[in-house]
Amino acid sequence: MSKRGDKEILMDILEAIQRIKNYTDGMDYETFLLDTKTQDAVIRNIEIIGEAVKLLSPQIKEKYKNIPWKNIAGMRDKLIHFYFGVNIDIVWDVAKNKILELEELINEILNEISKK
């Protein structure tokens, strides 16, 4: 089994971001609060993003210090280990705001990697 590189891992992150966007498309906060299936799906994909971040090379993390890699990985750890204490307000903010910022940054990295 070959080791996956940064490009593949970044693509995994984008896939999880797209899923979160699809799950919450057209949804308002009140609907999200009542929809535990969507909450679970979003939380799972945030976990996937956090795990993927941990697999990125130190070189990528060092080069792109503007991205809060530790915070992203930390969010995953909080979701995994404190599931019943998850703050849905934070999950909603991540799904509707932070994820869009991350998507833009990941796309920029992929564009730079592709130019090489």
PDB file of N, CA and C in Angstrom:
ATOM      1  N   MET A   1       0.846  -1.178   0.000  1.00  0.00           N
ATOM      2  CA  MET A   1       0.000   0.000   0.000  1.00  0.00           C
ATOM      3  C   MET A   1       0.890   1.238   0.000  1.00  0.00           C
ATOM      4  N   SER A   2       0.657   2.114  -0.944  1.00  0.00           N
ATOM      5  CA  SER A   2       1.488   3.311  -1.029  1.00  0.00           C
ATOM      6  C   SER A   2       0.946   4.413  -0.122  1.00  0.00           C
ATOM      7  N   LYS A   3       1.875   5.209   0.354  1.00  0.00           N
ATOM      8  CA  LYS A   3       1.504   6.315   1.229  1.00  0.00           C
ATOM      9  C   LYS A   3       0.847   7.415   0.395  1.00  0.00           C
ATOM     10  N   ARG A   4      -0.222   7.948   0.911  1.00  0.00           N
ATOM     11  CA  ARG A   4      -0.921   9.024   0.212  1.00  0.00           C
ATOM     12  C   ARG A   4      -0.177  10.325   0.462  1.00  0.00           C
ATOM     13  N   GLY A   5      -0.109  11.139  -0.564  1.00  0.00           N
ATOM     14  CA  GLY A   5       0.601  12.402  -0.465  1.00  0.00           C
ATOM     15  C   GLY A   5      -0.308  13.538  -0.042  1.00  0.00           C
ATOM     16  N   ASP A   6       0.303  14.699   0.118  1.00  0.00           N
ATOM     17  CA  ASP A   6      -0.435  15.884   0.544  1.00  0.00           C
ATOM     18  C   ASP A   6      -1.575  16.231  -0.410  1.00  0.00           C
ATOM     19  N   LYS A   7      -1.327  16.098  -1.704  1.00  0.00           N
ATOM     20  CA  LYS A   7      -2.369  16.447  -2.676  1.00  0.00           C
ATOM     21  C   LYS A   7      -3.624  15.597  -2.457  1.00  0.00           C
ATOM     22  N   GLU A   8      -3.442  14.307  -2.271  1.00  0.00           N
ATOM     23  CA  GLU A   8      -4.590  13.413  -2.059  1.00  0.00           C
ATOM     24  C   GLU A   8      -5.305  13.734  -0.746  1.00  0.00           C
ATOM     25  N   ILE A   9      -4.529  14.040   0.261  1.00  0.00           N
ATOM     26  CA  ILE A   9      -5.119  14.380   1.562  1.00  0.00           C
ATOM     27  C   ILE A   9      -5.902  15.681   1.465  1.00  0.00           C
ATOM     28  N   LEU A  10      -5.347  16.657   0.767  1.00  0.00           N
ATOM     29  CA  LEU A  10      -6.052  17.931   0.577  1.00  0.00           C
ATOM     30  C   LEU A  10      -7.341  17.721  -0.218  1.00  0.00           C
ATOM     31  N   MET A  11      -7.310  16.809  -1.177  1.00  0.00           N
ATOM     32  CA  MET A  11      -8.522  16.487  -1.937  1.00  0.00           C
ATOM     33  C   MET A  11      -9.570  15.829  -1.032  1.00  0.00           C
ATOM     34  N   ASP A  12      -9.129  14.997  -0.101  1.00  0.00           N
ATOM     35  CA  ASP A  12     -10.051  14.404   0.878  1.00  0.00           C
ATOM     36  C   ASP A  12     -10.726  15.490   1.713  1.00  0.00           C
ATOM     37  N   ILE A  13      -9.939  16.486   2.102  1.00  0.00           N
ATOM     38  CA  ILE A  13     -10.491  17.601   2.881  1.00  0.00           C
ATOM     39  C   ILE A  13     -11.543  18.329   2.061  1.00  0.00           C
ATOM     40  N   LEU A  14     -11.243  18.590   0.799  1.00  0.00           N
ATOM     41  CA  LEU A  14     -12.225  19.265  -0.059  1.00  0.00           C
ATOM     42  C   LEU A  14     -13.493  18.434  -0.230  1.00  0.00           C
ATOM     43  N   GLU A  15     -13.344  17.131  -0.328  1.00  0.00           N
ATOM     44  CA  GLU A  15     -14.521  16.262  -0.451  1.00  0.00           C
ATOM     45  C   GLU A  15     -15.397  16.355   0.804  1.00  0.00           C
ATOM     46  N   ALA A  16     -14.776  16.338   1.966  1.00  0.00           N
ATOM     47  CA  ALA A  16     -15.534  16.458   3.216  1.00  0.00           C
ATOM     48  C   ALA A  16     -16.202  17.828   3.313  1.00  0.00           C
ATOM     49  N   ILE A  17     -15.506  18.862   2.873  1.00  0.00           N
ATOM     50  CA  ILE A  17     -16.091  20.209   2.860  1.00  0.00           C
ATOM     51  C   ILE A  17     -17.314  20.230   1.955  1.00  0.00           C
ATOM     52  N   GLN A  18     -17.197  19.644   0.771  1.00  0.00           N
ATOM     53  CA  GLN A  18     -18.320  19.626  -0.163  1.00  0.00           C
ATOM     54  C   GLN A  18     -19.518  18.885   0.429  1.00  0.00           C
ATOM     55  N   ARG A  19     -19.257  17.805   1.120  1.00  0.00           N
ATOM     56  CA  ARG A  19     -20.355  17.062   1.755  1.00  0.00           C
ATOM     57  C   ARG A  19     -21.060  17.930   2.799  1.00  0.00           C
ATOM     58  N   ILE A  20     -20.280  18.618   3.608  1.00  0.00           N
ATOM     59  CA  ILE A  20     -20.874  19.500   4.621  1.00  0.00           C
ATOM     60  C   ILE A  20     -21.732  20.557   3.943  1.00  0.00           C
ATOM     61  N   LYS A  21     -21.226  21.136   2.879  1.00  0.00           N
ATOM     62  CA  LYS A  21     -21.994  22.154   2.155  1.00  0.00           C
ATOM     63  C   LYS A  21     -23.282  21.558   1.591  1.00  0.00           C
ATOM     64  N   ASN A  22     -23.185  20.356   1.029  1.00  0.00           N
ATOM     65  CA  ASN A  22     -24.375  19.699   0.479  1.00  0.00           C
ATOM     66  C   ASN A  22     -25.401  19.400   1.568  1.00  0.00           C
ATOM     67  N   TYR A  23     -24.934  18.907   2.707  1.00  0.00           N
ATOM     68  CA  TYR A  23     -25.843  18.555   3.801  1.00  0.00           C
ATOM     69  C   TYR A  23     -26.597  19.763   4.334  1.00  0.00           C
ATOM     70  N   THR A  24     -25.939  20.917   4.350  1.00  0.00           N
ATOM     71  CA  THR A  24     -26.537  22.102   4.980  1.00  0.00           C
ATOM     72  C   THR A  24     -27.075  23.109   3.968  1.00  0.00           C
ATOM     73  N   ASP A  25     -27.002  22.791   2.690  1.00  0.00           N
ATOM     74  CA  ASP A  25     -27.472  23.708   1.652  1.00  0.00           C
ATOM     75  C   ASP A  25     -28.951  24.035   1.848  1.00  0.00           C
ATOM     76  N   GLY A  26     -29.250  25.309   1.894  1.00  0.00           N
ATOM     77  CA  GLY A  26     -30.631  25.764   2.047  1.00  0.00           C
ATOM     78  C   GLY A  26     -31.197  25.603   3.444  1.00  0.00           C
ATOM     79  N   MET A  27     -30.379  25.193   4.375  1.00  0.00           N
ATOM     80  CA  MET A  27     -30.834  24.936   5.739  1.00  0.00           C
ATOM     81  C   MET A  27     -30.554  26.150   6.622  1.00  0.00           C
ATOM     82  N   ASP A  28     -31.511  26.488   7.468  1.00  0.00           N
ATOM     83  CA  ASP A  28     -31.258  27.545   8.448  1.00  0.00           C
ATOM     84  C   ASP A  28     -30.916  26.901   9.795  1.00  0.00           C
ATOM     85  N   TYR A  29     -30.508  27.735  10.723  1.00  0.00           N
ATOM     86  CA  TYR A  29     -30.031  27.249  12.013  1.00  0.00           C
ATOM     87  C   TYR A  29     -31.097  26.443  12.754  1.00  0.00           C
ATOM     88  N   GLU A  30     -32.331  26.938  12.750  1.00  0.00           N
ATOM     89  CA  GLU A  30     -33.407  26.261  13.479  1.00  0.00           C
ATOM     90  C   GLU A  30     -33.650  24.857  12.918  1.00  0.00           C
ATOM     91  N   THR A  31     -33.621  24.743  11.602  1.00  0.00           N
ATOM     92  CA  THR A  31     -33.802  23.435  10.969  1.00  0.00           C
ATOM     93  C   THR A  31     -32.649  22.508  11.330  1.00  0.00           C
ATOM     94  N   PHE A  32     -31.438  23.053  11.322  1.00  0.00           N
ATOM     95  CA  PHE A  32     -30.254  22.268  11.688  1.00  0.00           C
ATOM     96  C   PHE A  32     -30.369  21.741  13.115  1.00  0.00           C
ATOM     97  N   LEU A  33     -30.852  22.579  14.023  1.00  0.00           N
ATOM     98  CA  LEU A  33     -31.004  22.165  15.422  1.00  0.00           C
ATOM     99  C   LEU A  33     -31.935  20.968  15.574  1.00  0.00           C
ATOM    100  N   LEU A  34     -32.937  20.887  14.718  1.00  0.00           N
ATOM    101  CA  LEU A  34     -33.926  19.813  14.803  1.00  0.00           C
ATOM    102  C   LEU A  34     -33.543  18.566  14.002  1.00  0.00           C
ATOM    103  N   ASP A  35     -32.522  18.685  13.164  1.00  0.00           N
ATOM    104  CA  ASP A  35     -32.161  17.605  12.248  1.00  0.00           C
ATOM    105  C   ASP A  35     -30.898  16.884  12.732  1.00  0.00           C
ATOM    106  N   THR A  36     -31.098  15.902  13.588  1.00  0.00           N
ATOM    107  CA  THR A  36     -29.943  15.212  14.171  1.00  0.00           C
ATOM    108  C   THR A  36     -29.162  14.393  13.137  1.00  0.00           C
ATOM    109  N   LYS A  37     -29.826  13.944  12.085  1.00  0.00           N
ATOM    110  CA  LYS A  37     -29.100  13.218  11.041  1.00  0.00           C
ATOM    111  C   LYS A  37     -28.088  14.132  10.356  1.00  0.00           C
ATOM    112  N   THR A  38     -28.516  15.336  10.038  1.00  0.00           N
ATOM    113  CA  THR A  38     -27.597  16.285   9.404  1.00  0.00           C
ATOM    114  C   THR A  38     -26.502  16.689  10.375  1.00  0.00           C
ATOM    115  N   GLN A  39     -26.857  16.895  11.629  1.00  0.00           N
ATOM    116  CA  GLN A  39     -25.830  17.204  12.632  1.00  0.00           C
ATOM    117  C   GLN A  39     -24.768  16.105  12.656  1.00  0.00           C
ATOM    118  N   ASP A  40     -25.222  14.857  12.716  1.00  0.00           N
ATOM    119  CA  ASP A  40     -24.287  13.733  12.760  1.00  0.00           C
ATOM    120  C   ASP A  40     -23.407  13.682  11.506  1.00  0.00           C
ATOM    121  N   ALA A  41     -24.009  13.927  10.351  1.00  0.00           N
ATOM    122  CA  ALA A  41     -23.251  13.891   9.093  1.00  0.00           C
ATOM    123  C   ALA A  41     -22.208  15.003   9.046  1.00  0.00           C
ATOM    124  N   VAL A  42     -22.585  16.186   9.484  1.00  0.00           N
ATOM    125  CA  VAL A  42     -21.654  17.316   9.499  1.00  0.00           C
ATOM    126  C   VAL A  42     -20.525  17.046  10.490  1.00  0.00           C
ATOM    127  N   ILE A  43     -20.889  16.596  11.677  1.00  0.00           N
ATOM    128  CA  ILE A  43     -19.874  16.298  12.698  1.00  0.00           C
ATOM    129  C   ILE A  43     -18.895  15.250  12.175  1.00  0.00           C
ATOM    130  N   ARG A  44     -19.393  14.221  11.546  1.00  0.00           N
ATOM    131  CA  ARG A  44     -18.517  13.169  11.006  1.00  0.00           C
ATOM    132  C   ARG A  44     -17.532  13.738   9.995  1.00  0.00           C
ATOM    133  N   ASN A  45     -17.991  14.625   9.133  1.00  0.00           N
ATOM    134  CA  ASN A  45     -17.100  15.185   8.124  1.00  0.00           C
ATOM    135  C   ASN A  45     -16.122  16.194   8.705  1.00  0.00           C
ATOM    136  N   ILE A  46     -16.498  16.869   9.773  1.00  0.00           N
ATOM    137  CA  ILE A  46     -15.530  17.713  10.489  1.00  0.00           C
ATOM    138  C   ILE A  46     -14.447  16.822  11.096  1.00  0.00           C
ATOM    139  N   GLU A  47     -14.853  15.679  11.619  1.00  0.00           N
ATOM    140  CA  GLU A  47     -13.882  14.716  12.154  1.00  0.00           C
ATOM    141  C   GLU A  47     -12.925  14.246  11.059  1.00  0.00           C
ATOM    142  N   ILE A  48     -13.458  13.958   9.885  1.00  0.00           N
ATOM    143  CA  ILE A  48     -12.635  13.517   8.754  1.00  0.00           C
ATOM    144  C   ILE A  48     -11.622  14.596   8.385  1.00  0.00           C
ATOM    145  N   ILE A  49     -12.071  15.840   8.346  1.00  0.00           N
ATOM    146  CA  ILE A  49     -11.164  16.951   8.035  1.00  0.00           C
ATOM    147  C   ILE A  49     -10.050  17.021   9.073  1.00  0.00           C
ATOM    148  N   GLY A  50     -10.411  16.921  10.332  1.00  0.00           N
ATOM    149  CA  GLY A  50      -9.417  16.978  11.397  1.00  0.00           C
ATOM    150  C   GLY A  50      -8.413  15.852  11.326  1.00  0.00           C
ATOM    151  N   GLU A  51      -8.887  14.665  11.005  1.00  0.00           N
ATOM    152  CA  GLU A  51      -7.979  13.521  10.871  1.00  0.00           C
ATOM    153  C   GLU A  51      -7.071  13.697   9.660  1.00  0.00           C
ATOM    154  N   ALA A  52      -7.621  14.192   8.563  1.00  0.00           N
ATOM    155  CA  ALA A  52      -6.818  14.416   7.356  1.00  0.00           C
ATOM    156  C   ALA A  52      -5.717  15.441   7.615  1.00  0.00           C
ATOM    157  N   VAL A  53      -6.048  16.494   8.343  1.00  0.00           N
ATOM    158  CA  VAL A  53      -5.062  17.527   8.674  1.00  0.00           C
ATOM    159  C   VAL A  53      -3.874  16.912   9.411  1.00  0.00           C
ATOM    160  N   LYS A  54      -4.153  15.968  10.283  1.00  0.00           N
ATOM    161  CA  LYS A  54      -3.073  15.321  11.042  1.00  0.00           C
ATOM    162  C   LYS A  54      -2.129  14.533  10.135  1.00  0.00           C
ATOM    163  N   LEU A  55      -2.612  14.120   8.974  1.00  0.00           N
ATOM    164  CA  LEU A  55      -1.809  13.319   8.050  1.00  0.00           C
ATOM    165  C   LEU A  55      -0.970  14.156   7.088  1.00  0.00           C
ATOM    166  N   LEU A  56      -1.237  15.458   7.028  1.00  0.00           N
ATOM    167  CA  LEU A  56      -0.463  16.326   6.135  1.00  0.00           C
ATOM    168  C   LEU A  56       0.993  16.393   6.581  1.00  0.00           C
ATOM    169  N   SER A  57       1.868  16.583   5.627  1.00  0.00           N
ATOM    170  CA  SER A  57       3.300  16.650   5.932  1.00  0.00           C
ATOM    171  C   SER A  57       3.626  17.902   6.746  1.00  0.00           C
ATOM    172  N   PRO A  58       4.677  17.822   7.546  1.00  0.00           N
ATOM    173  CA  PRO A  58       5.126  19.009   8.287  1.00  0.00           C
ATOM    174  C   PRO A  58       5.488  20.163   7.343  1.00  0.00           C
ATOM    175  N   GLN A  59       5.948  19.836   6.144  1.00  0.00           N
ATOM    176  CA  GLN A  59       6.317  20.871   5.182  1.00  0.00           C
ATOM    177  C   GLN A  59       5.110  21.718   4.776  1.00  0.00           C
ATOM    178  N   ILE A  60       3.988  21.077   4.542  1.00  0.00           N
ATOM    179  CA  ILE A  60       2.767  21.816   4.174  1.00  0.00           C
ATOM    180  C   ILE A  60       2.323  22.682   5.343  1.00  0.00           C
ATOM    181  N   LYS A  61       2.306  22.123   6.523  1.00  0.00           N
ATOM    182  CA  LYS A  61       1.867  22.876   7.705  1.00  0.00           C
ATOM    183  C   LYS A  61       2.791  24.056   7.978  1.00  0.00           C
ATOM    184  N   GLU A  62       4.076  23.865   7.747  1.00  0.00           N
ATOM    185  CA  GLU A  62       5.050  24.936   7.968  1.00  0.00           C
ATOM    186  C   GLU A  62       4.905  26.025   6.905  1.00  0.00           C
ATOM    187  N   LYS A  63       4.719  25.618   5.673  1.00  0.00           N
ATOM    188  CA  LYS A  63       4.618  26.581   4.568  1.00  0.00           C
ATOM    189  C   LYS A  63       3.344  27.416   4.655  1.00  0.00           C
ATOM    190  N   TYR A  64       2.271  26.818   5.136  1.00  0.00           N
ATOM    191  CA  TYR A  64       0.971  27.501   5.192  1.00  0.00           C
ATOM    192  C   TYR A  64       0.564  27.704   6.647  1.00  0.00           C
ATOM    193  N   LYS A  65       1.359  28.472   7.342  1.00  0.00           N
ATOM    194  CA  LYS A  65       1.126  28.737   8.770  1.00  0.00           C
ATOM    195  C   LYS A  65      -0.129  29.568   9.015  1.00  0.00           C
ATOM    196  N   ASN A  66      -0.637  30.209   7.964  1.00  0.00           N
ATOM    197  CA  ASN A  66      -1.841  31.026   8.112  1.00  0.00           C
ATOM    198  C   ASN A  66      -3.088  30.181   8.372  1.00  0.00           C
ATOM    199  N   ILE A  67      -2.984  28.894   8.143  1.00  0.00           N
ATOM    200  CA  ILE A  67      -4.111  27.988   8.393  1.00  0.00           C
ATOM    201  C   ILE A  67      -3.946  27.411   9.798  1.00  0.00           C
ATOM    202  N   PRO A  68      -4.986  27.484  10.611  1.00  0.00           N
ATOM    203  CA  PRO A  68      -4.885  26.999  12.003  1.00  0.00           C
ATOM    204  C   PRO A  68      -4.971  25.473  12.092  1.00  0.00           C
ATOM    205  N   TRP A  69      -3.931  24.804  11.611  1.00  0.00           N
ATOM    206  CA  TRP A  69      -3.921  23.338  11.551  1.00  0.00           C
ATOM    207  C   TRP A  69      -4.217  22.699  12.901  1.00  0.00           C
ATOM    208  N   LYS A  70      -3.587  23.211  13.955  1.00  0.00           N
ATOM    209  CA  LYS A  70      -3.785  22.618  15.292  1.00  0.00           C
ATOM    210  C   LYS A  70      -5.224  22.776  15.760  1.00  0.00           C
ATOM    211  N   ASN A  71      -5.831  23.916  15.465  1.00  0.00           N
ATOM    212  CA  ASN A  71      -7.230  24.136  15.855  1.00  0.00           C
ATOM    213  C   ASN A  71      -8.163  23.183  15.107  1.00  0.00           C
ATOM    214  N   ILE A  72      -7.868  22.972  13.836  1.00  0.00           N
ATOM    215  CA  ILE A  72      -8.697  22.069  13.030  1.00  0.00           C
ATOM    216  C   ILE A  72      -8.593  20.641  13.574  1.00  0.00           C
ATOM    217  N   ALA A  73      -7.377  20.204  13.835  1.00  0.00           N
ATOM    218  CA  ALA A  73      -7.181  18.863  14.405  1.00  0.00           C
ATOM    219  C   ALA A  73      -7.796  18.782  15.799  1.00  0.00           C
ATOM    220  N   GLY A  74      -7.693  19.860  16.558  1.00  0.00           N
ATOM    221  CA  GLY A  74      -8.249  19.897  17.908  1.00  0.00           C
ATOM    222  C   GLY A  74      -9.763  19.792  17.916  1.00  0.00           C
ATOM    223  N   MET A  75     -10.402  20.392  16.923  1.00  0.00           N
ATOM    224  CA  MET A  75     -11.861  20.299  16.810  1.00  0.00           C
ATOM    225  C   MET A  75     -12.258  18.838  16.618  1.00  0.00           C
ATOM    226  N   ARG A  76     -11.510  18.133  15.804  1.00  0.00           N
ATOM    227  CA  ARG A  76     -11.771  16.712  15.582  1.00  0.00           C
ATOM    228  C   ARG A  76     -11.667  15.945  16.889  1.00  0.00           C
ATOM    229  N   ASP A  77     -10.618  16.227  17.657  1.00  0.00           N
ATOM    230  CA  ASP A  77     -10.421  15.526  18.925  1.00  0.00           C
ATOM    231  C   ASP A  77     -11.564  15.796  19.897  1.00  0.00           C
ATOM    232  N   LYS A  78     -12.021  17.032  19.949  1.00  0.00           N
ATOM    233  CA  LYS A  78     -13.143  17.371  20.835  1.00  0.00           C
ATOM    234  C   LYS A  78     -14.408  16.636  20.421  1.00  0.00           C
ATOM    235  N   LEU A  79     -14.647  16.560  19.121  1.00  0.00           N
ATOM    236  CA  LEU A  79     -15.850  15.880  18.643  1.00  0.00           C
ATOM    237  C   LEU A  79     -15.793  14.382  18.928  1.00  0.00           C
ATOM    238  N   ILE A  80     -14.643  13.788  18.735  1.00  0.00           N
ATOM    239  CA  ILE A  80     -14.489  12.345  18.956  1.00  0.00           C
ATOM    240  C   ILE A  80     -14.613  11.993  20.438  1.00  0.00           C
ATOM    241  N   HIS A  81     -13.971  12.776  21.288  1.00  0.00           N
ATOM    242  CA  HIS A  81     -13.865  12.395  22.698  1.00  0.00           C
ATOM    243  C   HIS A  81     -14.958  12.970  23.600  1.00  0.00           C
ATOM    244  N   PHE A  82     -15.651  13.989  23.123  1.00  0.00           N
ATOM    245  CA  PHE A  82     -16.685  14.618  23.953  1.00  0.00           C
ATOM    246  C   PHE A  82     -17.993  14.730  23.184  1.00  0.00           C
ATOM    247  N   TYR A  83     -18.375  13.642  22.526  1.00  0.00           N
ATOM    248  CA  TYR A  83     -19.524  13.693  21.623  1.00  0.00           C
ATOM    249  C   TYR A  83     -20.773  14.274  22.272  1.00  0.00           C
ATOM    250  N   PHE A  84     -21.094  13.848  23.477  1.00  0.00           N
ATOM    251  CA  PHE A  84     -22.341  14.302  24.084  1.00  0.00           C
ATOM    252  C   PHE A  84     -22.240  15.722  24.616  1.00  0.00           C
ATOM    253  N   GLY A  85     -21.050  16.274  24.599  1.00  0.00           N
ATOM    254  CA  GLY A  85     -20.870  17.653  25.018  1.00  0.00           C
ATOM    255  C   GLY A  85     -20.645  18.590  23.849  1.00  0.00           C
ATOM    256  N   VAL A  86     -20.948  18.130  22.630  1.00  0.00           N
ATOM    257  CA  VAL A  86     -20.714  18.939  21.434  1.00  0.00           C
ATOM    258  C   VAL A  86     -21.610  20.168  21.456  1.00  0.00           C
ATOM    259  N   ASN A  87     -21.009  21.308  21.184  1.00  0.00           N
ATOM    260  CA  ASN A  87     -21.751  22.557  21.094  1.00  0.00           C
ATOM    261  C   ASN A  87     -22.228  22.719  19.650  1.00  0.00           C
ATOM    262  N   ILE A  88     -23.516  22.527  19.442  1.00  0.00           N
ATOM    263  CA  ILE A  88     -24.084  22.571  18.094  1.00  0.00           C
ATOM    264  C   ILE A  88     -23.942  23.963  17.481  1.00  0.00           C
ATOM    265  N   ASP A  89     -23.926  25.004  18.304  1.00  0.00           N
ATOM    266  CA  ASP A  89     -23.707  26.359  17.777  1.00  0.00           C
ATOM    267  C   ASP A  89     -22.357  26.444  17.068  1.00  0.00           C
ATOM    268  N   ILE A  90     -21.343  25.845  17.669  1.00  0.00           N
ATOM    269  CA  ILE A  90     -20.006  25.861  17.065  1.00  0.00           C
ATOM    270  C   ILE A  90     -19.993  25.021  15.789  1.00  0.00           C
ATOM    271  N   VAL A  91     -20.642  23.873  15.825  1.00  0.00           N
ATOM    272  CA  VAL A  91     -20.714  23.019  14.635  1.00  0.00           C
ATOM    273  C   VAL A  91     -21.385  23.780  13.494  1.00  0.00           C
ATOM    274  N   TRP A  92     -22.455  24.488  13.790  1.00  0.00           N
ATOM    275  CA  TRP A  92     -23.157  25.274  12.774  1.00  0.00           C
ATOM    276  C   TRP A  92     -22.249  26.367  12.215  1.00  0.00           C
ATOM    277  N   ASP A  93     -21.538  27.063  13.077  1.00  0.00           N
ATOM    278  CA  ASP A  93     -20.626  28.119  12.629  1.00  0.00           C
ATOM    279  C   ASP A  93     -19.535  27.542  11.729  1.00  0.00           C
ATOM    280  N   VAL A  94     -19.007  26.411  12.106  1.00  0.00           N
ATOM    281  CA  VAL A  94     -17.994  25.757  11.271  1.00  0.00           C
ATOM    282  C   VAL A  94     -18.598  25.404   9.914  1.00  0.00           C
ATOM    283  N   ALA A  95     -19.785  24.797   9.924  1.00  0.00           N
ATOM    284  CA  ALA A  95     -20.423  24.333   8.692  1.00  0.00           C
ATOM    285  C   ALA A  95     -20.776  25.470   7.744  1.00  0.00           C
ATOM    286  N   LYS A  96     -21.181  26.594   8.284  1.00  0.00           N
ATOM    287  CA  LYS A  96     -21.662  27.675   7.426  1.00  0.00           C
ATOM    288  C   LYS A  96     -20.646  28.792   7.192  1.00  0.00           C
ATOM    289  N   ASN A  97     -19.603  28.858   7.996  1.00  0.00           N
ATOM    290  CA  ASN A  97     -18.647  29.959   7.858  1.00  0.00           C
ATOM    291  C   ASN A  97     -17.203  29.479   7.722  1.00  0.00           C
ATOM    292  N   LYS A  98     -16.721  28.836   8.741  1.00  0.00           N
ATOM    293  CA  LYS A  98     -15.304  28.449   8.776  1.00  0.00           C
ATOM    294  C   LYS A  98     -14.934  27.501   7.637  1.00  0.00           C
ATOM    295  N   ILE A  99     -15.852  26.630   7.280  1.00  0.00           N
ATOM    296  CA  ILE A  99     -15.582  25.636   6.247  1.00  0.00           C
ATOM    297  C   ILE A  99     -15.362  26.307   4.895  1.00  0.00           C
ATOM    298  N   LEU A 100     -16.053  27.414   4.657  1.00  0.00           N
ATOM    299  CA  LEU A 100     -15.891  28.138   3.393  1.00  0.00           C
ATOM    300  C   LEU A 100     -14.517  28.788   3.317  1.00  0.00           C
ATOM    301  N   GLU A 101     -14.066  29.324   4.443  1.00  0.00           N
ATOM    302  CA  GLU A 101     -12.723  29.910   4.504  1.00  0.00           C
ATOM    303  C   GLU A 101     -11.673  28.828   4.261  1.00  0.00           C
ATOM    304  N   LEU A 102     -11.850  27.685   4.898  1.00  0.00           N
ATOM    305  CA  LEU A 102     -10.902  26.588   4.741  1.00  0.00           C
ATOM    306  C   LEU A 102     -10.893  26.091   3.298  1.00  0.00           C
ATOM    307  N   GLU A 103     -12.055  25.999   2.698  1.00  0.00           N
ATOM    308  CA  GLU A 103     -12.145  25.545   1.307  1.00  0.00           C
ATOM    309  C   GLU A 103     -11.317  26.447   0.391  1.00  0.00           C
ATOM    310  N   GLU A 104     -11.435  27.732   0.580  1.00  0.00           N
ATOM    311  CA  GLU A 104     -10.683  28.690  -0.232  1.00  0.00           C
ATOM    312  C   GLU A 104      -9.174  28.491  -0.051  1.00  0.00           C
ATOM    313  N   LEU A 105      -8.745  28.335   1.191  1.00  0.00           N
ATOM    314  CA  LEU A 105      -7.322  28.157   1.478  1.00  0.00           C
ATOM    315  C   LEU A 105      -6.785  26.837   0.918  1.00  0.00           C
ATOM    316  N   ILE A 106      -7.555  25.778   1.046  1.00  0.00           N
ATOM    317  CA  ILE A 106      -7.128  24.475   0.524  1.00  0.00           C
ATOM    318  C   ILE A 106      -7.027  24.527  -0.998  1.00  0.00           C
ATOM    319  N   ASN A 107      -7.974  25.190  -1.640  1.00  0.00           N
ATOM    320  CA  ASN A 107      -7.909  25.342  -3.099  1.00  0.00           C
ATOM    321  C   ASN A 107      -6.663  26.116  -3.519  1.00  0.00           C
ATOM    322  N   GLU A 108      -6.302  27.146  -2.760  1.00  0.00           N
ATOM    323  CA  GLU A 108      -5.087  27.909  -3.059  1.00  0.00           C
ATOM    324  C   GLU A 108      -3.851  27.017  -2.961  1.00  0.00           C
ATOM    325  N   ILE A 109      -3.789  26.196  -1.925  1.00  0.00           N
ATOM    326  CA  ILE A 109      -2.650  25.286  -1.769  1.00  0.00           C
ATOM    327  C   ILE A 109      -2.593  24.307  -2.943  1.00  0.00           C
ATOM    328  N   LEU A 110      -3.732  23.737  -3.288  1.00  0.00           N
ATOM    329  CA  LEU A 110      -3.765  22.784  -4.399  1.00  0.00           C
ATOM    330  C   LEU A 110      -3.337  23.441  -5.707  1.00  0.00           C
ATOM    331  N   ASN A 111      -3.751  24.683  -5.920  1.00  0.00           N
ATOM    332  CA  ASN A 111      -3.332  25.402  -7.125  1.00  0.00           C
ATOM    333  C   ASN A 111      -1.820  25.580  -7.152  1.00  0.00           C
ATOM    334  N   GLU A 112      -1.236  25.918  -6.019  1.00  0.00           N
ATOM    335  CA  GLU A 112       0.223  26.071  -5.941  1.00  0.00           C
ATOM    336  C   GLU A 112       0.932  24.744  -6.179  1.00  0.00           C
ATOM    337  N   ILE A 113       0.425  23.690  -5.568  1.00  0.00           N
ATOM    338  CA  ILE A 113       1.034  22.365  -5.736  1.00  0.00           C
ATOM    339  C   ILE A 113       0.962  21.925  -7.197  1.00  0.00           C
ATOM    340  N   SER A 114      -0.156  22.207  -7.850  1.00  0.00           N
ATOM    341  CA  SER A 114      -0.361  21.787  -9.239  1.00  0.00           C
ATOM    342  C   SER A 114       0.568  22.514 -10.203  1.00  0.00           C
ATOM    343  N   LYS A 115       0.997  23.718  -9.836  1.00  0.00           N
ATOM    344  CA  LYS A 115       1.887  24.500 -10.704  1.00  0.00           C
ATOM    345  C   LYS A 115       3.298  23.944 -10.731  1.00  0.00           C
ATOM    346  N   LYS A 116       3.635  23.142  -9.733  1.00  0.00           N
ATOM    347  CA  LYS A 116       5.008  22.606  -9.642  1.00  0.00           C
ATOM    348  C   LYS A 116       5.227  21.458 -10.592  1.00  0.00           C
TER     349      LYS A 116
END
